[in-house]
Amino acid sequence: MPDLLEVDALDAGYNGTPVVRDLSLSVAAGEVVALLGPNGAGKSTTLNTIAGLLPRVGGSVRLDGKDLEGMPAHHRARLGVSLVPEGRSLFFGLTVREHLKLAATKDKLRREQLIEMLPELEKCLDRKAGVLSGGEQQMLAVGRALVSVPRVLLVDEMSLGLAPVIVERLLPVLRRIAEELGAGVLFVEQHVALALEVADRAYVLSHGQLVLEGKAADLRGRRDLLQSSYLGEAAVPATA
């Protein structure tokens, strides 16, 4: 599969100081890729830089071969880069229907298709976001991102604050998005085992650097390497 999103030698951080250094990764259309690592590893910084919410310090971010340098977040969104942020960033006074309407574009996803992917939203359409459960709010955040039919979907901590049983229902939606919409999906997740069940490939960050990469099926059998990557017990060389 050709690479839809390409991140090459990326340095990313705050006020010109990188917390992510020399990161290269790729996501193809129809592919689900997990970005894993301990808290503070630089995962959210990476997603926010790809989405245009943070300026890059060095390296490049390309969509279909086009360098996105200097392009603000709303322009990247028009090109099809959509972010589901950590914390969801919902408007608690607006209903689910109003959120979806605000996010709609000319090439919007049909409501029937959206509800098929996220069926629990149907009963919530006229409820305000502030009265939804955590799982319903997360479904709304994903649904809002899907309305514009993104080419690249970035998802930051879908499981944050949710019970494991809810996470088990939500994460497989990312696979459906990739397969049915043909989108490339890059997601950050703390539930490593569940993430590796959903993903095609995974990258592991530690202290802002890539320490491990590979096919998800292979990494599921290398818990020793994953553990050492998370705990910082050993320098783990990146693998193909």
C-alpha atoms as a PDB file:
ATOM      1  CA  MET A   1       0.000   0.000   0.000  1.00  0.00           C
ATOM      2  CA  PRO A   2       1.337   3.489  -0.784  1.00  0.00           C
ATOM      3  CA  ASP A   3       1.954   5.722   2.222  1.00  0.00           C
ATOM      4  CA  LEU A   4      -0.754   8.322   2.708  1.00  0.00           C
ATOM      5  CA  LEU A   5       0.853  10.008   5.732  1.00  0.00           C
ATOM      6  CA  GLU A   6       4.632  10.266   5.981  1.00  0.00           C
ATOM      7  CA  VAL A   7       6.481  11.674   8.984  1.00  0.00           C
ATOM      8  CA  ASP A   8      10.219  11.950   8.375  1.00  0.00           C
ATOM      9  CA  ALA A   9      12.892  12.781  10.978  1.00  0.00           C
ATOM     10  CA  LEU A  10      10.358  14.842  12.930  1.00  0.00           C
ATOM     11  CA  ASP A  11      11.483  17.015  15.833  1.00  0.00           C
ATOM     12  CA  ALA A  12       8.466  18.344  17.731  1.00  0.00           C
ATOM     13  CA  GLY A  13       7.960  20.191  20.982  1.00  0.00           C
ATOM     14  CA  TYR A  14       7.233  23.527  22.584  1.00  0.00           C
ATOM     15  CA  ASN A  15       8.821  26.960  22.180  1.00  0.00           C
ATOM     16  CA  GLY A  16      11.397  25.514  19.804  1.00  0.00           C
ATOM     17  CA  THR A  17      12.538  22.833  22.245  1.00  0.00           C
ATOM     18  CA  PRO A  18      11.919  19.302  20.945  1.00  0.00           C
ATOM     19  CA  VAL A  19      10.444  16.619  23.157  1.00  0.00           C
ATOM     20  CA  VAL A  20      10.115  14.274  20.172  1.00  0.00           C
ATOM     21  CA  ARG A  21      13.309  13.747  18.237  1.00  0.00           C
ATOM     22  CA  ASP A  22      14.059  12.258  14.824  1.00  0.00           C
ATOM     23  CA  LEU A  23      10.753  10.391  14.556  1.00  0.00           C
ATOM     24  CA  SER A  24       9.846   8.718  11.278  1.00  0.00           C
ATOM     25  CA  LEU A  25       6.591   6.840  10.739  1.00  0.00           C
ATOM     26  CA  SER A  26       4.066   6.196   8.013  1.00  0.00           C
ATOM     27  CA  VAL A  27       0.407   5.298   7.607  1.00  0.00           C
ATOM     28  CA  ALA A  28      -1.135   3.898   4.426  1.00  0.00           C
ATOM     29  CA  ALA A  29      -4.726   4.298   3.277  1.00  0.00           C
ATOM     30  CA  GLY A  30      -6.868   1.635   4.935  1.00  0.00           C
ATOM     31  CA  GLU A  31      -4.225   0.924   7.584  1.00  0.00           C
ATOM     32  CA  VAL A  32      -4.507   1.167  11.378  1.00  0.00           C
ATOM     33  CA  VAL A  33      -1.299   2.127  13.186  1.00  0.00           C
ATOM     34  CA  ALA A  34      -0.848   2.346  16.967  1.00  0.00           C
ATOM     35  CA  LEU A  35       1.493   4.845  18.626  1.00  0.00           C
ATOM     36  CA  LEU A  36       2.400   3.447  22.034  1.00  0.00           C
ATOM     37  CA  GLY A  37       4.592   4.401  24.964  1.00  0.00           C
ATOM     38  CA  PRO A  38       4.545   5.573  28.581  1.00  0.00           C
ATOM     39  CA  ASN A  39       3.124   8.890  29.741  1.00  0.00           C
ATOM     40  CA  GLY A  40       5.351  11.769  28.665  1.00  0.00           C
ATOM     41  CA  ALA A  41       6.871   9.843  25.762  1.00  0.00           C
ATOM     42  CA  GLY A  42       5.703  12.445  23.209  1.00  0.00           C
ATOM     43  CA  LYS A  43       2.720  10.674  21.677  1.00  0.00           C
ATOM     44  CA  SER A  44       0.212  13.535  21.990  1.00  0.00           C
ATOM     45  CA  THR A  45       2.873  16.005  20.884  1.00  0.00           C
ATOM     46  CA  THR A  46       3.350  13.935  17.740  1.00  0.00           C
ATOM     47  CA  LEU A  47      -0.371  13.866  16.896  1.00  0.00           C
ATOM     48  CA  ASN A  48      -0.807  17.586  17.592  1.00  0.00           C
ATOM     49  CA  THR A  49       2.149  18.392  15.329  1.00  0.00           C
ATOM     50  CA  ILE A  50       0.777  16.245  12.507  1.00  0.00           C
ATOM     51  CA  ALA A  51      -2.611  17.971  12.901  1.00  0.00           C
ATOM     52  CA  GLY A  52      -0.990  21.420  12.768  1.00  0.00           C
ATOM     53  CA  LEU A  53      -1.781  22.459  16.343  1.00  0.00           C
ATOM     54  CA  LEU A  54       1.942  22.653  17.097  1.00  0.00           C
ATOM     55  CA  PRO A  55       4.670  23.884  14.716  1.00  0.00           C
ATOM     56  CA  ARG A  56       7.312  21.324  13.920  1.00  0.00           C
ATOM     57  CA  VAL A  57      10.857  22.008  15.104  1.00  0.00           C
ATOM     58  CA  GLY A  58      12.471  19.946  12.362  1.00  0.00           C
ATOM     59  CA  GLY A  59      11.783  17.211   9.839  1.00  0.00           C
ATOM     60  CA  SER A  60       8.700  16.932   7.665  1.00  0.00           C
ATOM     61  CA  VAL A  61       5.048  15.850   7.633  1.00  0.00           C
ATOM     62  CA  ARG A  62       3.640  14.928   4.217  1.00  0.00           C
ATOM     63  CA  LEU A  63       0.168  13.993   3.047  1.00  0.00           C
ATOM     64  CA  ASP A  64       0.140  12.241  -0.320  1.00  0.00           C
ATOM     65  CA  GLY A  65       3.682  13.508  -0.810  1.00  0.00           C
ATOM     66  CA  LYS A  66       2.707  17.140  -0.121  1.00  0.00           C
ATOM     67  CA  ASP A  67       4.735  18.838   2.624  1.00  0.00           C
ATOM     68  CA  LEU A  68       2.380  20.399   5.179  1.00  0.00           C
ATOM     69  CA  GLU A  69       4.971  22.813   6.587  1.00  0.00           C
ATOM     70  CA  GLY A  70       3.425  26.141   7.576  1.00  0.00           C
ATOM     71  CA  MET A  71      -0.108  24.934   6.919  1.00  0.00           C
ATOM     72  CA  PRO A  72      -2.475  25.746   9.817  1.00  0.00           C
ATOM     73  CA  ALA A  73      -4.691  23.122  11.401  1.00  0.00           C
ATOM     74  CA  HIS A  74      -7.894  24.192   9.630  1.00  0.00           C
ATOM     75  CA  HIS A  75      -6.211  23.904   6.219  1.00  0.00           C
ATOM     76  CA  ARG A  76      -4.941  20.434   7.086  1.00  0.00           C
ATOM     77  CA  ALA A  77      -8.462  19.516   8.154  1.00  0.00           C
ATOM     78  CA  ARG A  78      -9.753  20.573   4.729  1.00  0.00           C
ATOM     79  CA  LEU A  79      -7.190  18.258   3.132  1.00  0.00           C
ATOM     80  CA  GLY A  80      -8.544  15.410   5.246  1.00  0.00           C
ATOM     81  CA  VAL A  81      -6.432  15.340   8.424  1.00  0.00           C
ATOM     82  CA  SER A  82      -8.850  14.946  11.331  1.00  0.00           C
ATOM     83  CA  LEU A  83      -7.930  14.798  15.034  1.00  0.00           C
ATOM     84  CA  VAL A  84      -9.916  13.318  17.912  1.00  0.00           C
ATOM     85  CA  PRO A  85      -8.101  15.133  20.745  1.00  0.00           C
ATOM     86  CA  GLU A  86      -7.359  13.888  24.229  1.00  0.00           C
ATOM     87  CA  GLY A  87     -10.201  15.112  26.444  1.00  0.00           C
ATOM     88  CA  ARG A  88     -12.626  15.139  23.447  1.00  0.00           C
ATOM     89  CA  SER A  89     -13.075  18.985  23.344  1.00  0.00           C
ATOM     90  CA  LEU A  90     -16.870  18.866  23.096  1.00  0.00           C
ATOM     91  CA  PHE A  91     -19.299  21.750  23.571  1.00  0.00           C
ATOM     92  CA  PHE A  92     -21.355  20.606  26.529  1.00  0.00           C
ATOM     93  CA  GLY A  93     -24.246  22.952  25.722  1.00  0.00           C
ATOM     94  CA  LEU A  94     -24.723  21.580  22.192  1.00  0.00           C
ATOM     95  CA  THR A  95     -26.571  18.410  21.255  1.00  0.00           C
ATOM     96  CA  VAL A  96     -25.048  15.474  19.430  1.00  0.00           C
ATOM     97  CA  ARG A  97     -26.988  16.481  16.307  1.00  0.00           C
ATOM     98  CA  GLU A  98     -25.624  20.030  16.512  1.00  0.00           C
ATOM     99  CA  HIS A  99     -22.025  18.775  16.887  1.00  0.00           C
ATOM    100  CA  LEU A 100     -22.377  16.625  13.785  1.00  0.00           C
ATOM    101  CA  LYS A 101     -23.992  19.436  11.807  1.00  0.00           C
ATOM    102  CA  LEU A 102     -21.193  21.872  12.691  1.00  0.00           C
ATOM    103  CA  ALA A 103     -18.569  19.361  11.577  1.00  0.00           C
ATOM    104  CA  ALA A 104     -20.258  18.498   8.287  1.00  0.00           C
ATOM    105  CA  THR A 105     -18.611  19.429   4.994  1.00  0.00           C
ATOM    106  CA  LYS A 106     -19.715  19.187   1.386  1.00  0.00           C
ATOM    107  CA  ASP A 107     -18.444  15.608   1.257  1.00  0.00           C
ATOM    108  CA  LYS A 108     -20.074  14.633   4.522  1.00  0.00           C
ATOM    109  CA  LEU A 109     -20.616  11.079   5.655  1.00  0.00           C
ATOM    110  CA  ARG A 110     -24.222   9.950   5.425  1.00  0.00           C
ATOM    111  CA  ARG A 111     -25.889   9.826   8.824  1.00  0.00           C
ATOM    112  CA  GLU A 112     -27.004   6.247   8.207  1.00  0.00           C
ATOM    113  CA  GLN A 113     -23.410   5.152   7.665  1.00  0.00           C
ATOM    114  CA  LEU A 114     -22.224   7.047  10.738  1.00  0.00           C
ATOM    115  CA  ILE A 115     -24.928   5.516  12.931  1.00  0.00           C
ATOM    116  CA  GLU A 116     -24.089   2.065  11.586  1.00  0.00           C
ATOM    117  CA  MET A 117     -20.508   2.530  12.791  1.00  0.00           C
ATOM    118  CA  LEU A 118     -21.509   4.205  16.074  1.00  0.00           C
ATOM    119  CA  PRO A 119     -25.022   2.893  16.755  1.00  0.00           C
ATOM    120  CA  GLU A 120     -25.224   4.211  20.321  1.00  0.00           C
ATOM    121  CA  LEU A 121     -25.252   7.772  18.981  1.00  0.00           C
ATOM    122  CA  GLU A 122     -28.708   7.326  17.466  1.00  0.00           C
ATOM    123  CA  LYS A 123     -30.511   7.492  20.800  1.00  0.00           C
ATOM    124  CA  CYS A 124     -28.391  10.494  21.816  1.00  0.00           C
ATOM    125  CA  LEU A 125     -28.922  12.776  18.819  1.00  0.00           C
ATOM    126  CA  ASP A 126     -31.008  15.325  20.718  1.00  0.00           C
ATOM    127  CA  ARG A 127     -29.133  15.114  24.016  1.00  0.00           C
ATOM    128  CA  LYS A 128     -26.595  17.723  25.022  1.00  0.00           C
ATOM    129  CA  ALA A 129     -23.013  16.548  25.173  1.00  0.00           C
ATOM    130  CA  GLY A 130     -22.742  17.507  28.828  1.00  0.00           C
ATOM    131  CA  VAL A 131     -25.238  14.850  29.945  1.00  0.00           C
ATOM    132  CA  LEU A 132     -23.726  11.975  27.954  1.00  0.00           C
ATOM    133  CA  SER A 133     -21.742   9.195  29.578  1.00  0.00           C
ATOM    134  CA  GLY A 134     -17.991   9.071  29.017  1.00  0.00           C
ATOM    135  CA  GLY A 135     -18.358   6.376  26.388  1.00  0.00           C
ATOM    136  CA  GLU A 136     -21.079   8.304  24.565  1.00  0.00           C
ATOM    137  CA  GLN A 137     -18.943  11.446  24.622  1.00  0.00           C
ATOM    138  CA  GLN A 138     -16.052   9.555  23.097  1.00  0.00           C
ATOM    139  CA  MET A 139     -18.313   8.141  20.394  1.00  0.00           C
ATOM    140  CA  LEU A 140     -19.472  11.672  19.651  1.00  0.00           C
ATOM    141  CA  ALA A 141     -15.879  12.905  19.416  1.00  0.00           C
ATOM    142  CA  VAL A 142     -15.100  10.145  16.912  1.00  0.00           C
ATOM    143  CA  GLY A 143     -18.358  10.710  15.031  1.00  0.00           C
ATOM    144  CA  ARG A 144     -17.663  14.424  14.739  1.00  0.00           C
ATOM    145  CA  ALA A 145     -14.275  13.633  13.193  1.00  0.00           C
ATOM    146  CA  LEU A 146     -15.825  11.148  10.762  1.00  0.00           C
ATOM    147  CA  VAL A 147     -18.545  13.433   9.408  1.00  0.00           C
ATOM    148  CA  SER A 148     -16.048  15.137   7.095  1.00  0.00           C
ATOM    149  CA  VAL A 149     -14.876  11.724   5.739  1.00  0.00           C
ATOM    150  CA  PRO A 150     -11.220  12.174   6.733  1.00  0.00           C
ATOM    151  CA  ARG A 151      -8.366  10.688   4.778  1.00  0.00           C
ATOM    152  CA  VAL A 152      -6.196  10.492   7.909  1.00  0.00           C
ATOM    153  CA  LEU A 153      -7.794  10.042  11.325  1.00  0.00           C
ATOM    154  CA  LEU A 154      -5.671  10.823  14.387  1.00  0.00           C
ATOM    155  CA  VAL A 155      -7.084   9.561  17.698  1.00  0.00           C
ATOM    156  CA  ASP A 156      -5.508  10.561  21.013  1.00  0.00           C
ATOM    157  CA  GLU A 157      -6.292   8.273  23.969  1.00  0.00           C
ATOM    158  CA  MET A 158      -9.728   6.956  23.007  1.00  0.00           C
ATOM    159  CA  SER A 159      -9.838   4.956  26.245  1.00  0.00           C
ATOM    160  CA  LEU A 160      -9.115   7.883  28.587  1.00  0.00           C
ATOM    161  CA  GLY A 161     -11.359   7.622  31.648  1.00  0.00           C
ATOM    162  CA  LEU A 162     -13.422   4.761  30.232  1.00  0.00           C
ATOM    163  CA  ALA A 163     -14.138   1.323  31.642  1.00  0.00           C
ATOM    164  CA  PRO A 164     -12.337  -1.541  29.861  1.00  0.00           C
ATOM    165  CA  VAL A 165     -15.632  -2.984  28.607  1.00  0.00           C
ATOM    166  CA  ILE A 166     -16.378   0.308  26.831  1.00  0.00           C
ATOM    167  CA  VAL A 167     -12.872   0.420  25.353  1.00  0.00           C
ATOM    168  CA  GLU A 168     -13.337  -3.088  23.959  1.00  0.00           C
ATOM    169  CA  ARG A 169     -16.387  -1.843  22.050  1.00  0.00           C
ATOM    170  CA  LEU A 170     -14.828   1.412  20.865  1.00  0.00           C
ATOM    171  CA  LEU A 171     -11.388   0.411  19.588  1.00  0.00           C
ATOM    172  CA  PRO A 172     -12.655  -1.992  16.877  1.00  0.00           C
ATOM    173  CA  VAL A 173     -14.474   0.996  15.341  1.00  0.00           C
ATOM    174  CA  LEU A 174     -11.046   2.200  14.183  1.00  0.00           C
ATOM    175  CA  ARG A 175     -10.684  -0.946  12.093  1.00  0.00           C
ATOM    176  CA  ARG A 176     -14.078  -0.354  10.481  1.00  0.00           C
ATOM    177  CA  ILE A 177     -13.143   3.247   9.699  1.00  0.00           C
ATOM    178  CA  ALA A 178      -9.992   2.108   7.900  1.00  0.00           C
ATOM    179  CA  GLU A 179     -11.703  -0.689   5.992  1.00  0.00           C
ATOM    180  CA  GLU A 180     -14.986   1.018   5.078  1.00  0.00           C
ATOM    181  CA  LEU A 181     -13.789   4.599   4.514  1.00  0.00           C
ATOM    182  CA  GLY A 182     -10.298   3.756   3.295  1.00  0.00           C
ATOM    183  CA  ALA A 183      -8.821   6.180   5.815  1.00  0.00           C
ATOM    184  CA  GLY A 184      -5.404   5.859   7.378  1.00  0.00           C
ATOM    185  CA  VAL A 185      -5.755   5.699  11.175  1.00  0.00           C
ATOM    186  CA  LEU A 186      -3.005   6.648  13.642  1.00  0.00           C
ATOM    187  CA  PHE A 187      -4.028   6.264  17.271  1.00  0.00           C
ATOM    188  CA  VAL A 188      -2.458   6.697  20.699  1.00  0.00           C
ATOM    189  CA  GLU A 189      -3.525   4.150  23.279  1.00  0.00           C
ATOM    190  CA  GLN A 190      -2.478   3.027  26.769  1.00  0.00           C
ATOM    191  CA  HIS A 191      -4.272  -0.331  26.574  1.00  0.00           C
ATOM    192  CA  VAL A 192      -1.415  -2.028  24.752  1.00  0.00           C
ATOM    193  CA  ALA A 193      -2.936  -5.490  24.347  1.00  0.00           C
ATOM    194  CA  LEU A 194      -6.182  -4.117  22.911  1.00  0.00           C
ATOM    195  CA  ALA A 195      -4.315  -1.698  20.661  1.00  0.00           C
ATOM    196  CA  LEU A 196      -2.226  -4.496  19.182  1.00  0.00           C
ATOM    197  CA  GLU A 197      -5.372  -6.524  18.496  1.00  0.00           C
ATOM    198  CA  VAL A 198      -6.801  -3.677  16.396  1.00  0.00           C
ATOM    199  CA  ALA A 199      -3.662  -2.310  14.721  1.00  0.00           C
ATOM    200  CA  ASP A 200      -1.804  -3.527  11.644  1.00  0.00           C
ATOM    201  CA  ARG A 201       1.474  -2.033  12.836  1.00  0.00           C
ATOM    202  CA  ALA A 202       2.749  -0.203  15.913  1.00  0.00           C
ATOM    203  CA  TYR A 203       5.451   2.247  16.946  1.00  0.00           C
ATOM    204  CA  VAL A 204       6.687   2.601  20.529  1.00  0.00           C
ATOM    205  CA  LEU A 205       8.084   5.895  21.824  1.00  0.00           C
ATOM    206  CA  SER A 206      10.176   6.345  24.963  1.00  0.00           C
ATOM    207  CA  HIS A 207      11.544   9.706  26.105  1.00  0.00           C
ATOM    208  CA  GLY A 208      10.627  11.233  22.753  1.00  0.00           C
ATOM    209  CA  GLN A 209      12.434   8.691  20.609  1.00  0.00           C
ATOM    210  CA  LEU A 210      11.347   5.680  18.599  1.00  0.00           C
ATOM    211  CA  VAL A 211      12.550   2.538  20.356  1.00  0.00           C
ATOM    212  CA  LEU A 212      10.467  -0.191  18.768  1.00  0.00           C
ATOM    213  CA  GLU A 213       8.373  -0.728  15.661  1.00  0.00           C
ATOM    214  CA  GLY A 214       6.882  -3.615  13.770  1.00  0.00           C
ATOM    215  CA  LYS A 215       3.804  -5.534  12.763  1.00  0.00           C
ATOM    216  CA  ALA A 216       1.246  -5.702  15.555  1.00  0.00           C
ATOM    217  CA  ALA A 217       0.990  -9.484  15.231  1.00  0.00           C
ATOM    218  CA  ASP A 218       4.736  -9.791  15.849  1.00  0.00           C
ATOM    219  CA  LEU A 219       4.781  -7.347  18.766  1.00  0.00           C
ATOM    220  CA  ARG A 220       1.970  -9.201  20.522  1.00  0.00           C
ATOM    221  CA  GLY A 221       4.450 -12.020  21.043  1.00  0.00           C
ATOM    222  CA  ARG A 222       7.284  -9.748  22.257  1.00  0.00           C
ATOM    223  CA  ARG A 223       5.966  -8.619  25.615  1.00  0.00           C
ATOM    224  CA  ASP A 224       9.536  -8.530  26.958  1.00  0.00           C
ATOM    225  CA  LEU A 225      10.502  -5.846  24.467  1.00  0.00           C
ATOM    226  CA  LEU A 226       7.308  -3.885  25.021  1.00  0.00           C
ATOM    227  CA  GLN A 227       7.821  -3.963  28.777  1.00  0.00           C
ATOM    228  CA  SER A 228      11.418  -2.826  28.569  1.00  0.00           C
ATOM    229  CA  SER A 229      10.366  -0.029  26.192  1.00  0.00           C
ATOM    230  CA  TYR A 230       7.690   1.195  28.590  1.00  0.00           C
ATOM    231  CA  LEU A 231       9.779   0.934  31.737  1.00  0.00           C
ATOM    232  CA  GLY A 232      12.951   2.292  30.186  1.00  0.00           C
ATOM    233  CA  GLU A 233      14.887  -0.707  31.486  1.00  0.00           C
ATOM    234  CA  ALA A 234      16.896  -1.129  28.311  1.00  0.00           C
ATOM    235  CA  ALA A 235      17.567   0.554  25.025  1.00  0.00           C
ATOM    236  CA  VAL A 236      15.546  -1.410  22.497  1.00  0.00           C
ATOM    237  CA  PRO A 237      16.633  -1.111  18.854  1.00  0.00           C
ATOM    238  CA  ALA A 238      13.904  -0.336  16.336  1.00  0.00           C
ATOM    239  CA  THR A 239      13.024  -3.327  14.179  1.00  0.00           C
ATOM    240  CA  ALA A 240      11.526  -3.506  10.712  1.00  0.00           C
END
